[in-house]
């Protein structure tokens, strides 16, 4: 059984920064891409960023240049550093683990990810 747990959400003013972390366990972490998605009230879950098993990174246009995804295979963790936050970044952020190993580029759609965390709330005030 694979477990994915996010942490690090909170309330921040526009222009501020937050760092989300995600810990995964239950299989060989380094073989799988990891992704971050978010879901705002009344909206569909959307892709934010992903990192392949080899460390290549991919971003949604809306966060490119402001967010940075990274992974630490020794600690089985993936992080999302968020800067220059905007009110429209407000959402529940989810960490997810890819369904298949060694995919590159990693998928950018939710149904390609098999394991999900419970989500962490990020609120950006104006």
Foldseek 3Di string as FASTA:
>chain_A
DKAKAKDWADEEAAQAKTKMKMAMDDDQLLFWKKFKWWDDPPDDIFGAKIAASVGDIDGDPVQPPFKDWGDDSVRRMIMIIGGSDDQVVWTWMKMFIAPDTPDPPGDGDVVRTDYIHPTDTHGYHD
